[in-house]
Amino acid sequence: DQGDFPAIAGSDNVRVARLLGHDRVYFLRLLRLFIEEFESLPQQLGVDLARNDRETAIRRVHTLKGSAGYLGMMDLMRTAASLEAALREHAPNLDALIEPLSAELGALIEASAPWLSEAPAADAASTAPPLDPAQLEALQSALRHHDLAAINLHTSLEAALAGVFAAPTCKALAQAIGHLRFEEALQQLERGEP
């Protein structure tokens, strides 16, 4: 079910299509997770800076930078890199850098909306297939070894995982794997162990 790969303003769809093997459904799932994770980032940065918590702000912007790059959003990645550098250097007037980031993020969310309306929602746990313990162990092993095979293993197990783990655990697991944070994903699996 790959169809035409989404052309979203602000994303290098040729690069990301090649990276994801032209898997349209997987890209839309990652895009949905990206937006869920980062749509409120400008407001979160405002709170972090009001609390004088630069480390949290730096971590948020660094995560955005990496995730944007993975999804081919090169302009947003560069804007995030500039803001991250300014945060690390304790630069004044960060609003001048947060505003463009907020505008780019908003434009990307708006450009993504038509595509996200067709992105599949999570399967209901009641229709989930049984979870194969051997496949679960293979996923855990891939995560432990930072093996990119974890992405495909997770995709193949997603419906079964939804039948065993609570929805928040499944969402956090999908976000962590989608953003290549394998240690965090492994912790999610271990904390939510059935």
N, C-alpha and C. Protein backbone atom coordinates (compact mmCIF):
# COMPACT_ATOMS: atom_id res chain seq x y z
N ASP A 1 0.85 -1.19 0.00
CA ASP A 1 0.00 0.00 0.00
C ASP A 1 0.89 1.24 0.00
N GLN A 2 1.74 1.38 -1.01
CA GLN A 2 2.68 2.48 -1.02
C GLN A 2 2.18 3.66 -1.82
N GLY A 3 1.50 3.43 -2.95
CA GLY A 3 0.94 4.52 -3.74
C GLY A 3 1.94 5.61 -4.02
N ASP A 4 1.44 6.78 -4.39
CA ASP A 4 2.31 7.93 -4.61
C ASP A 4 2.83 8.42 -3.27
N PHE A 5 4.11 8.75 -3.25
CA PHE A 5 4.71 9.22 -2.02
C PHE A 5 4.31 10.68 -1.80
N PRO A 6 3.90 11.06 -0.60
CA PRO A 6 3.44 12.42 -0.34
C PRO A 6 4.49 13.48 -0.65
N ALA A 7 4.08 14.50 -1.37
CA ALA A 7 4.93 15.67 -1.63
C ALA A 7 4.45 16.76 -0.69
N ILE A 8 5.21 17.00 0.36
CA ILE A 8 4.81 17.97 1.39
C ILE A 8 5.80 19.12 1.36
N ALA A 9 5.27 20.32 1.23
CA ALA A 9 6.12 21.51 1.21
C ALA A 9 6.97 21.53 2.48
N GLY A 10 8.27 21.74 2.30
CA GLY A 10 9.18 21.77 3.44
C GLY A 10 9.87 20.44 3.69
N SER A 11 9.54 19.42 2.90
CA SER A 11 10.15 18.10 3.06
C SER A 11 10.74 17.66 1.72
N ASP A 12 11.93 17.11 1.75
CA ASP A 12 12.56 16.57 0.55
C ASP A 12 11.99 15.18 0.34
N ASN A 13 10.85 15.12 -0.34
CA ASN A 13 10.13 13.86 -0.46
C ASN A 13 10.91 12.81 -1.25
N VAL A 14 11.77 13.22 -2.18
CA VAL A 14 12.56 12.25 -2.93
C VAL A 14 13.55 11.56 -1.99
N ARG A 15 14.23 12.35 -1.16
CA ARG A 15 15.22 11.80 -0.23
C ARG A 15 14.56 10.88 0.79
N VAL A 16 13.47 11.34 1.40
CA VAL A 16 12.84 10.55 2.45
C VAL A 16 12.15 9.31 1.86
N ALA A 17 11.62 9.41 0.65
CA ALA A 17 11.02 8.23 0.00
C ALA A 17 12.08 7.15 -0.21
N ARG A 18 13.24 7.56 -0.66
CA ARG A 18 14.33 6.61 -0.88
C ARG A 18 14.77 6.00 0.46
N LEU A 19 14.90 6.84 1.48
CA LEU A 19 15.33 6.38 2.80
C LEU A 19 14.36 5.36 3.39
N LEU A 20 13.06 5.58 3.17
CA LEU A 20 12.03 4.71 3.75
C LEU A 20 11.54 3.64 2.77
N GLY A 21 12.27 3.44 1.68
CA GLY A 21 11.88 2.41 0.72
C GLY A 21 10.54 2.68 0.07
N HIS A 22 10.20 3.95 -0.10
CA HIS A 22 8.94 4.38 -0.73
C HIS A 22 7.72 3.85 0.01
N ASP A 23 7.85 3.63 1.30
CA ASP A 23 6.75 3.13 2.12
C ASP A 23 5.91 4.31 2.60
N ARG A 24 4.88 4.60 1.85
CA ARG A 24 3.99 5.74 2.11
C ARG A 24 3.32 5.64 3.48
N VAL A 25 2.81 4.49 3.81
CA VAL A 25 2.10 4.30 5.08
C VAL A 25 3.04 4.56 6.25
N TYR A 26 4.25 4.04 6.17
CA TYR A 26 5.21 4.23 7.25
C TYR A 26 5.59 5.70 7.37
N PHE A 27 5.80 6.38 6.24
CA PHE A 27 6.11 7.81 6.27
C PHE A 27 4.98 8.59 6.94
N LEU A 28 3.75 8.30 6.57
CA LEU A 28 2.62 9.03 7.16
C LEU A 28 2.52 8.77 8.66
N ARG A 29 2.84 7.54 9.07
CA ARG A 29 2.84 7.23 10.50
C ARG A 29 3.92 8.05 11.22
N LEU A 30 5.12 8.10 10.62
CA LEU A 30 6.20 8.90 11.22
C LEU A 30 5.85 10.38 11.23
N LEU A 31 5.24 10.85 10.17
CA LEU A 31 4.85 12.26 10.09
C LEU A 31 3.84 12.61 11.18
N ARG A 32 2.87 11.73 11.38
CA ARG A 32 1.87 11.95 12.45
C ARG A 32 2.56 12.00 13.81
N LEU A 33 3.47 11.08 14.07
CA LEU A 33 4.20 11.06 15.34
C LEU A 33 5.05 12.32 15.50
N PHE A 34 5.69 12.74 14.41
CA PHE A 34 6.51 13.96 14.42
C PHE A 34 5.66 15.16 14.84
N ILE A 35 4.52 15.31 14.22
CA ILE A 35 3.66 16.46 14.53
C ILE A 35 3.12 16.38 15.95
N GLU A 36 2.71 15.20 16.38
CA GLU A 36 2.22 15.05 17.75
C GLU A 36 3.30 15.44 18.76
N GLU A 37 4.54 15.07 18.46
CA GLU A 37 5.63 15.34 19.39
C GLU A 37 6.07 16.80 19.40
N PHE A 38 6.02 17.46 18.23
CA PHE A 38 6.65 18.78 18.14
C PHE A 38 5.71 19.95 17.89
N GLU A 39 4.41 19.73 17.71
CA GLU A 39 3.53 20.85 17.39
C GLU A 39 3.50 21.91 18.50
N SER A 40 3.70 21.53 19.73
CA SER A 40 3.68 22.51 20.82
C SER A 40 5.09 22.91 21.25
N LEU A 41 6.10 22.57 20.47
CA LEU A 41 7.48 22.86 20.84
C LEU A 41 7.74 24.34 21.10
N PRO A 42 7.28 25.26 20.25
CA PRO A 42 7.56 26.68 20.55
C PRO A 42 7.04 27.12 21.93
N GLN A 43 5.86 26.65 22.29
CA GLN A 43 5.32 26.99 23.61
C GLN A 43 6.14 26.34 24.72
N GLN A 44 6.56 25.09 24.50
CA GLN A 44 7.37 24.39 25.49
C GLN A 44 8.71 25.11 25.69
N LEU A 45 9.29 25.60 24.58
CA LEU A 45 10.54 26.35 24.69
C LEU A 45 10.35 27.62 25.50
N GLY A 46 9.22 28.28 25.30
CA GLY A 46 8.92 29.48 26.08
C GLY A 46 8.88 29.19 27.57
N VAL A 47 8.26 28.07 27.93
CA VAL A 47 8.19 27.66 29.34
C VAL A 47 9.59 27.33 29.86
N ASP A 48 10.35 26.57 29.06
CA ASP A 48 11.71 26.20 29.47
C ASP A 48 12.55 27.44 29.73
N LEU A 49 12.49 28.39 28.83
CA LEU A 49 13.32 29.59 28.96
C LEU A 49 12.84 30.47 30.10
N ALA A 50 11.52 30.52 30.33
CA ALA A 50 11.00 31.29 31.46
C ALA A 50 11.49 30.69 32.79
N ARG A 51 11.69 29.39 32.79
CA ARG A 51 12.22 28.70 33.99
C ARG A 51 13.74 28.70 34.02
N ASN A 52 14.35 29.31 33.01
CA ASN A 52 15.81 29.35 32.88
C ASN A 52 16.39 27.94 32.76
N ASP A 53 15.65 27.06 32.08
CA ASP A 53 16.05 25.66 31.89
C ASP A 53 16.54 25.47 30.46
N ARG A 54 17.73 25.97 30.19
CA ARG A 54 18.30 25.87 28.83
C ARG A 54 18.59 24.43 28.43
N GLU A 55 18.97 23.60 29.38
CA GLU A 55 19.31 22.21 29.04
C GLU A 55 18.10 21.48 28.44
N THR A 56 16.94 21.67 29.05
CA THR A 56 15.74 21.04 28.50
C THR A 56 15.42 21.62 27.13
N ALA A 57 15.54 22.93 26.99
CA ALA A 57 15.29 23.57 25.70
C ALA A 57 16.26 23.04 24.64
N ILE A 58 17.52 22.92 25.00
CA ILE A 58 18.52 22.40 24.06
C ILE A 58 18.16 20.97 23.65
N ARG A 59 17.79 20.15 24.61
CA ARG A 59 17.43 18.75 24.32
C ARG A 59 16.23 18.68 23.38
N ARG A 60 15.22 19.53 23.63
CA ARG A 60 14.04 19.53 22.77
C ARG A 60 14.40 19.92 21.34
N VAL A 61 15.19 20.98 21.19
CA VAL A 61 15.55 21.48 19.87
C VAL A 61 16.47 20.48 19.16
N HIS A 62 17.36 19.86 19.90
CA HIS A 62 18.26 18.86 19.32
C HIS A 62 17.45 17.67 18.77
N THR A 63 16.46 17.23 19.53
CA THR A 63 15.60 16.13 19.10
C THR A 63 14.82 16.52 17.84
N LEU A 64 14.29 17.74 17.84
CA LEU A 64 13.59 18.23 16.65
C LEU A 64 14.52 18.23 15.44
N LYS A 65 15.73 18.71 15.63
CA LYS A 65 16.70 18.79 14.53
C LYS A 65 16.93 17.41 13.92
N GLY A 66 17.18 16.41 14.74
CA GLY A 66 17.43 15.07 14.24
C GLY A 66 16.21 14.46 13.56
N SER A 67 15.05 14.64 14.17
CA SER A 67 13.83 14.08 13.61
C SER A 67 13.47 14.75 12.29
N ALA A 68 13.64 16.07 12.23
CA ALA A 68 13.36 16.80 10.99
C ALA A 68 14.29 16.34 9.88
N GLY A 69 15.56 16.15 10.19
CA GLY A 69 16.51 15.67 9.20
C GLY A 69 16.15 14.29 8.69
N TYR A 70 15.73 13.41 9.59
CA TYR A 70 15.36 12.05 9.21
C TYR A 70 14.18 12.05 8.25
N LEU A 71 13.25 13.00 8.44
CA LEU A 71 12.07 13.07 7.59
C LEU A 71 12.26 14.01 6.40
N GLY A 72 13.49 14.42 6.14
CA GLY A 72 13.78 15.22 4.95
C GLY A 72 13.38 16.67 5.04
N MET A 73 13.14 17.16 6.24
CA MET A 73 12.74 18.55 6.45
C MET A 73 13.99 19.38 6.70
N MET A 74 14.76 19.58 5.65
CA MET A 74 16.10 20.14 5.78
C MET A 74 16.09 21.60 6.24
N ASP A 75 15.15 22.42 5.77
CA ASP A 75 15.09 23.81 6.22
C ASP A 75 14.78 23.88 7.71
N LEU A 76 13.82 23.09 8.15
CA LEU A 76 13.47 23.06 9.57
C LEU A 76 14.66 22.54 10.38
N MET A 77 15.37 21.56 9.87
CA MET A 77 16.55 21.04 10.55
C MET A 77 17.60 22.14 10.72
N ARG A 78 17.84 22.93 9.67
CA ARG A 78 18.83 24.02 9.76
C ARG A 78 18.39 25.11 10.73
N THR A 79 17.10 25.42 10.72
CA THR A 79 16.58 26.42 11.66
C THR A 79 16.75 25.93 13.10
N ALA A 80 16.46 24.66 13.32
CA ALA A 80 16.63 24.08 14.66
C ALA A 80 18.10 24.07 15.06
N ALA A 81 18.99 23.78 14.11
CA ALA A 81 20.43 23.78 14.41
C ALA A 81 20.90 25.17 14.82
N SER A 82 20.39 26.20 14.15
CA SER A 82 20.76 27.58 14.52
C SER A 82 20.28 27.92 15.92
N LEU A 83 19.05 27.52 16.22
CA LEU A 83 18.51 27.78 17.56
C LEU A 83 19.27 26.98 18.61
N GLU A 84 19.60 25.74 18.32
CA GLU A 84 20.37 24.93 19.27
C GLU A 84 21.72 25.58 19.57
N ALA A 85 22.40 26.04 18.52
CA ALA A 85 23.70 26.70 18.72
C ALA A 85 23.55 27.96 19.57
N ALA A 86 22.51 28.74 19.30
CA ALA A 86 22.28 29.97 20.07
C ALA A 86 21.99 29.65 21.53
N LEU A 87 21.23 28.59 21.77
CA LEU A 87 20.95 28.18 23.16
C LEU A 87 22.23 27.75 23.87
N ARG A 88 23.07 27.01 23.19
CA ARG A 88 24.32 26.54 23.79
C ARG A 88 25.27 27.71 24.08
N GLU A 89 25.22 28.74 23.23
CA GLU A 89 26.11 29.91 23.39
C GLU A 89 25.52 30.98 24.30
N HIS A 90 24.35 30.69 24.88
CA HIS A 90 23.65 31.65 25.75
C HIS A 90 23.43 32.98 25.04
N ALA A 91 23.06 32.90 23.78
CA ALA A 91 22.81 34.10 22.98
C ALA A 91 21.57 34.83 23.52
N PRO A 92 21.57 36.16 23.41
CA PRO A 92 20.39 36.92 23.80
C PRO A 92 19.35 36.88 22.68
N ASN A 93 18.17 37.37 22.97
CA ASN A 93 17.10 37.54 21.98
C ASN A 93 16.80 36.24 21.22
N LEU A 94 16.52 35.20 21.95
CA LEU A 94 16.20 33.91 21.33
C LEU A 94 14.87 33.93 20.59
N ASP A 95 14.01 34.89 20.95
CA ASP A 95 12.72 34.99 20.25
C ASP A 95 12.93 35.17 18.75
N ALA A 96 14.00 35.84 18.37
CA ALA A 96 14.28 36.07 16.95
C ALA A 96 14.58 34.76 16.23
N LEU A 97 14.95 33.72 16.96
CA LEU A 97 15.18 32.41 16.36
C LEU A 97 14.01 31.46 16.58
N ILE A 98 13.28 31.65 17.67
CA ILE A 98 12.13 30.79 17.94
C ILE A 98 10.99 31.11 16.97
N GLU A 99 10.82 32.38 16.63
CA GLU A 99 9.74 32.77 15.72
C GLU A 99 9.83 32.07 14.36
N PRO A 100 11.01 32.08 13.69
CA PRO A 100 11.08 31.37 12.41
C PRO A 100 10.86 29.86 12.56
N LEU A 101 11.35 29.29 13.65
CA LEU A 101 11.13 27.86 13.90
C LEU A 101 9.63 27.59 14.03
N SER A 102 8.96 28.44 14.79
CA SER A 102 7.52 28.29 14.98
C SER A 102 6.78 28.42 13.65
N ALA A 103 7.18 29.38 12.83
CA ALA A 103 6.53 29.60 11.53
C ALA A 103 6.76 28.40 10.61
N GLU A 104 7.98 27.89 10.56
CA GLU A 104 8.28 26.73 9.70
C GLU A 104 7.51 25.50 10.17
N LEU A 105 7.47 25.30 11.47
CA LEU A 105 6.75 24.16 12.01
C LEU A 105 5.26 24.28 11.70
N GLY A 106 4.71 25.47 11.87
CA GLY A 106 3.29 25.70 11.56
C GLY A 106 2.98 25.46 10.09
N ALA A 107 3.86 25.92 9.19
CA ALA A 107 3.66 25.72 7.76
C ALA A 107 3.72 24.23 7.41
N LEU A 108 4.64 23.52 8.04
CA LEU A 108 4.77 22.09 7.79
C LEU A 108 3.52 21.34 8.27
N ILE A 109 3.03 21.71 9.43
CA ILE A 109 1.81 21.07 9.96
C ILE A 109 0.65 21.33 9.02
N GLU A 110 0.52 22.55 8.55
CA GLU A 110 -0.56 22.90 7.63
C GLU A 110 -0.44 22.12 6.32
N ALA A 111 0.79 22.03 5.78
CA ALA A 111 1.00 21.32 4.51
C ALA A 111 0.77 19.81 4.68
N SER A 112 0.94 19.31 5.88
CA SER A 112 0.78 17.87 6.15
C SER A 112 -0.67 17.47 6.37
N ALA A 113 -1.51 18.41 6.73
CA ALA A 113 -2.89 18.09 7.13
C ALA A 113 -3.64 17.22 6.11
N PRO A 114 -3.61 17.55 4.81
CA PRO A 114 -4.35 16.71 3.87
C PRO A 114 -3.85 15.27 3.83
N TRP A 115 -2.56 15.08 4.02
CA TRP A 115 -1.99 13.74 3.99
C TRP A 115 -2.31 12.98 5.27
N LEU A 116 -2.33 13.69 6.39
CA LEU A 116 -2.56 13.01 7.67
C LEU A 116 -4.00 12.56 7.81
N SER A 117 -4.90 13.17 7.09
CA SER A 117 -6.29 12.74 7.18
C SER A 117 -6.46 11.33 6.63
N GLU A 118 -5.50 10.87 5.82
CA GLU A 118 -5.57 9.51 5.29
C GLU A 118 -4.66 8.55 6.03
N ALA A 119 -3.86 9.04 6.98
CA ALA A 119 -2.94 8.16 7.71
C ALA A 119 -3.75 7.21 8.58
N PRO A 120 -3.34 5.95 8.64
CA PRO A 120 -4.11 4.97 9.42
C PRO A 120 -4.06 5.26 10.91
N ALA A 121 -5.17 5.10 11.55
CA ALA A 121 -5.23 5.23 13.01
C ALA A 121 -4.80 3.90 13.63
N ALA A 122 -4.51 3.94 14.91
CA ALA A 122 -4.07 2.72 15.59
C ALA A 122 -5.19 1.68 15.56
N ASP A 123 -4.83 0.43 15.39
CA ASP A 123 -5.80 -0.66 15.37
C ASP A 123 -6.39 -0.87 16.76
N ALA A 124 -7.60 -1.31 16.79
CA ALA A 124 -8.25 -1.60 18.07
C ALA A 124 -7.64 -2.86 18.67
N ALA A 125 -7.44 -2.84 19.97
CA ALA A 125 -6.82 -3.98 20.64
C ALA A 125 -7.65 -5.25 20.49
N SER A 126 -8.97 -5.09 20.35
CA SER A 126 -9.83 -6.27 20.28
C SER A 126 -9.60 -7.09 19.01
N THR A 127 -9.08 -6.48 17.96
CA THR A 127 -8.85 -7.21 16.72
C THR A 127 -7.38 -7.56 16.53
N ALA A 128 -6.59 -7.35 17.56
CA ALA A 128 -5.15 -7.57 17.45
C ALA A 128 -4.82 -9.06 17.38
N PRO A 129 -3.84 -9.41 16.54
CA PRO A 129 -3.39 -10.80 16.51
C PRO A 129 -2.58 -11.11 17.77
N PRO A 130 -2.38 -12.38 18.08
CA PRO A 130 -1.59 -12.71 19.27
C PRO A 130 -0.13 -12.28 19.10
N LEU A 131 0.49 -11.92 20.20
CA LEU A 131 1.89 -11.49 20.19
C LEU A 131 2.79 -12.71 20.28
N ASP A 132 3.64 -12.89 19.28
CA ASP A 132 4.58 -14.01 19.22
C ASP A 132 5.78 -13.67 20.10
N PRO A 133 6.03 -14.43 21.18
CA PRO A 133 7.14 -14.14 22.08
C PRO A 133 8.50 -14.12 21.37
N ALA A 134 8.68 -14.97 20.37
CA ALA A 134 9.96 -15.01 19.65
C ALA A 134 10.16 -13.71 18.87
N GLN A 135 9.09 -13.19 18.26
CA GLN A 135 9.20 -11.93 17.53
C GLN A 135 9.43 -10.76 18.49
N LEU A 136 8.79 -10.81 19.65
CA LEU A 136 9.01 -9.77 20.65
C LEU A 136 10.47 -9.77 21.09
N GLU A 137 11.02 -10.96 21.31
CA GLU A 137 12.43 -11.06 21.70
C GLU A 137 13.34 -10.55 20.58
N ALA A 138 12.99 -10.82 19.34
CA ALA A 138 13.78 -10.33 18.20
C ALA A 138 13.77 -8.80 18.16
N LEU A 139 12.61 -8.20 18.45
CA LEU A 139 12.51 -6.75 18.51
C LEU A 139 13.38 -6.20 19.64
N GLN A 140 13.28 -6.80 20.82
CA GLN A 140 14.08 -6.35 21.95
C GLN A 140 15.57 -6.47 21.65
N SER A 141 15.98 -7.56 21.00
CA SER A 141 17.38 -7.75 20.65
C SER A 141 17.84 -6.69 19.65
N ALA A 142 17.03 -6.40 18.65
CA ALA A 142 17.38 -5.38 17.66
C ALA A 142 17.51 -4.01 18.33
N LEU A 143 16.63 -3.71 19.27
CA LEU A 143 16.71 -2.44 19.99
C LEU A 143 17.98 -2.38 20.84
N ARG A 144 18.30 -3.48 21.52
CA ARG A 144 19.51 -3.53 22.35
C ARG A 144 20.77 -3.28 21.54
N HIS A 145 20.77 -3.77 20.31
CA HIS A 145 21.96 -3.68 19.46
C HIS A 145 21.89 -2.50 18.48
N HIS A 146 20.92 -1.62 18.68
CA HIS A 146 20.75 -0.44 17.82
C HIS A 146 20.70 -0.83 16.35
N ASP A 147 20.00 -1.92 16.07
CA ASP A 147 19.87 -2.45 14.73
C ASP A 147 18.63 -1.85 14.07
N LEU A 148 18.81 -1.27 12.88
CA LEU A 148 17.68 -0.64 12.19
C LEU A 148 16.58 -1.64 11.82
N ALA A 149 16.87 -2.92 11.91
CA ALA A 149 15.84 -3.94 11.68
C ALA A 149 14.70 -3.78 12.68
N ALA A 150 14.96 -3.10 13.79
CA ALA A 150 13.93 -2.86 14.79
C ALA A 150 12.74 -2.12 14.20
N ILE A 151 12.99 -1.26 13.22
CA ILE A 151 11.90 -0.49 12.61
C ILE A 151 10.91 -1.44 11.93
N ASN A 152 11.43 -2.35 11.10
CA ASN A 152 10.55 -3.28 10.39
C ASN A 152 9.92 -4.28 11.35
N LEU A 153 10.68 -4.72 12.34
CA LEU A 153 10.11 -5.63 13.34
C LEU A 153 8.96 -4.97 14.08
N HIS A 154 9.16 -3.72 14.46
CA HIS A 154 8.09 -3.01 15.16
C HIS A 154 6.86 -2.87 14.27
N THR A 155 7.08 -2.51 13.01
CA THR A 155 5.96 -2.35 12.08
C THR A 155 5.18 -3.65 11.96
N SER A 156 5.88 -4.78 11.87
CA SER A 156 5.18 -6.06 11.73
C SER A 156 4.48 -6.49 13.02
N LEU A 157 4.94 -6.00 14.16
CA LEU A 157 4.35 -6.38 15.44
C LEU A 157 3.36 -5.35 16.00
N GLU A 158 3.22 -4.23 15.32
CA GLU A 158 2.46 -3.12 15.88
C GLU A 158 1.04 -3.50 16.30
N ALA A 159 0.33 -4.23 15.46
CA ALA A 159 -1.05 -4.60 15.80
C ALA A 159 -1.08 -5.55 17.01
N ALA A 160 -0.14 -6.49 17.04
CA ALA A 160 -0.09 -7.43 18.17
C ALA A 160 0.29 -6.71 19.46
N LEU A 161 1.22 -5.75 19.37
CA LEU A 161 1.61 -4.99 20.55
C LEU A 161 0.42 -4.20 21.10
N ALA A 162 -0.41 -3.67 20.19
CA ALA A 162 -1.59 -2.90 20.62
C ALA A 162 -2.58 -3.77 21.38
N GLY A 163 -2.55 -5.06 21.13
CA GLY A 163 -3.45 -5.96 21.85
C GLY A 163 -2.94 -6.33 23.23
N VAL A 164 -1.67 -6.03 23.51
CA VAL A 164 -1.06 -6.44 24.78
C VAL A 164 -0.74 -5.24 25.67
N PHE A 165 -0.23 -4.17 25.07
CA PHE A 165 0.21 -3.01 25.84
C PHE A 165 -0.85 -1.91 25.79
N ALA A 166 -0.84 -1.06 26.80
CA ALA A 166 -1.75 0.08 26.85
C ALA A 166 -1.42 1.06 25.71
N ALA A 167 -2.42 1.79 25.26
CA ALA A 167 -2.25 2.72 24.15
C ALA A 167 -1.12 3.73 24.38
N PRO A 168 -0.98 4.32 25.59
CA PRO A 168 0.13 5.26 25.79
C PRO A 168 1.51 4.59 25.62
N THR A 169 1.63 3.34 26.04
CA THR A 169 2.89 2.62 25.87
C THR A 169 3.17 2.39 24.39
N CYS A 170 2.14 1.99 23.64
CA CYS A 170 2.31 1.76 22.20
C CYS A 170 2.69 3.05 21.49
N LYS A 171 2.07 4.14 21.87
CA LYS A 171 2.37 5.43 21.24
C LYS A 171 3.81 5.85 21.56
N ALA A 172 4.21 5.74 22.82
CA ALA A 172 5.57 6.12 23.22
C ALA A 172 6.60 5.21 22.53
N LEU A 173 6.27 3.93 22.41
CA LEU A 173 7.17 2.99 21.75
C LEU A 173 7.33 3.36 20.27
N ALA A 174 6.22 3.63 19.60
CA ALA A 174 6.26 4.00 18.18
C ALA A 174 7.05 5.30 17.97
N GLN A 175 6.85 6.26 18.86
CA GLN A 175 7.59 7.52 18.74
C GLN A 175 9.09 7.29 18.93
N ALA A 176 9.45 6.52 19.93
CA ALA A 176 10.86 6.28 20.20
C ALA A 176 11.52 5.55 19.04
N ILE A 177 10.87 4.52 18.51
CA ILE A 177 11.44 3.77 17.39
C ILE A 177 11.46 4.65 16.14
N GLY A 178 10.40 5.39 15.91
CA GLY A 178 10.33 6.26 14.74
C GLY A 178 11.41 7.32 14.73
N HIS A 179 11.87 7.71 15.90
CA HIS A 179 12.92 8.73 16.01
C HIS A 179 14.28 8.10 16.34
N LEU A 180 14.35 6.78 16.17
CA LEU A 180 15.60 6.02 16.36
C LEU A 180 16.17 6.13 17.77
N ARG A 181 15.30 6.30 18.75
CA ARG A 181 15.73 6.32 20.15
C ARG A 181 15.49 4.91 20.71
N PHE A 182 16.39 4.00 20.32
CA PHE A 182 16.18 2.59 20.59
C PHE A 182 16.27 2.24 22.07
N GLU A 183 17.16 2.89 22.82
CA GLU A 183 17.24 2.60 24.26
C GLU A 183 15.94 2.98 24.96
N GLU A 184 15.40 4.12 24.59
CA GLU A 184 14.12 4.57 25.16
C GLU A 184 13.01 3.58 24.79
N ALA A 185 13.02 3.10 23.55
CA ALA A 185 12.01 2.13 23.11
C ALA A 185 12.12 0.84 23.91
N LEU A 186 13.34 0.39 24.12
CA LEU A 186 13.55 -0.83 24.90
C LEU A 186 13.02 -0.65 26.32
N GLN A 187 13.26 0.51 26.91
CA GLN A 187 12.74 0.79 28.25
C GLN A 187 11.22 0.77 28.26
N GLN A 188 10.60 1.33 27.20
CA GLN A 188 9.13 1.30 27.10
C GLN A 188 8.62 -0.14 27.09
N LEU A 189 9.28 -0.98 26.29
CA LEU A 189 8.87 -2.38 26.22
C LEU A 189 9.04 -3.07 27.57
N GLU A 190 10.15 -2.82 28.23
CA GLU A 190 10.41 -3.49 29.51
C GLU A 190 9.47 -2.99 30.61
N ARG A 191 9.16 -1.70 30.61
CA ARG A 191 8.23 -1.16 31.62
C ARG A 191 6.82 -1.65 31.39
N GLY A 192 6.45 -1.84 30.13
CA GLY A 192 5.08 -2.25 29.81
C GLY A 192 4.94 -3.73 29.60
N GLU A 193 5.95 -4.50 29.97
CA GLU A 193 5.97 -5.96 29.76
C GLU A 193 4.67 -6.58 30.26
N PRO A 194 4.04 -7.42 29.41
CA PRO A 194 2.76 -8.04 29.82
C PRO A 194 2.95 -9.05 30.94
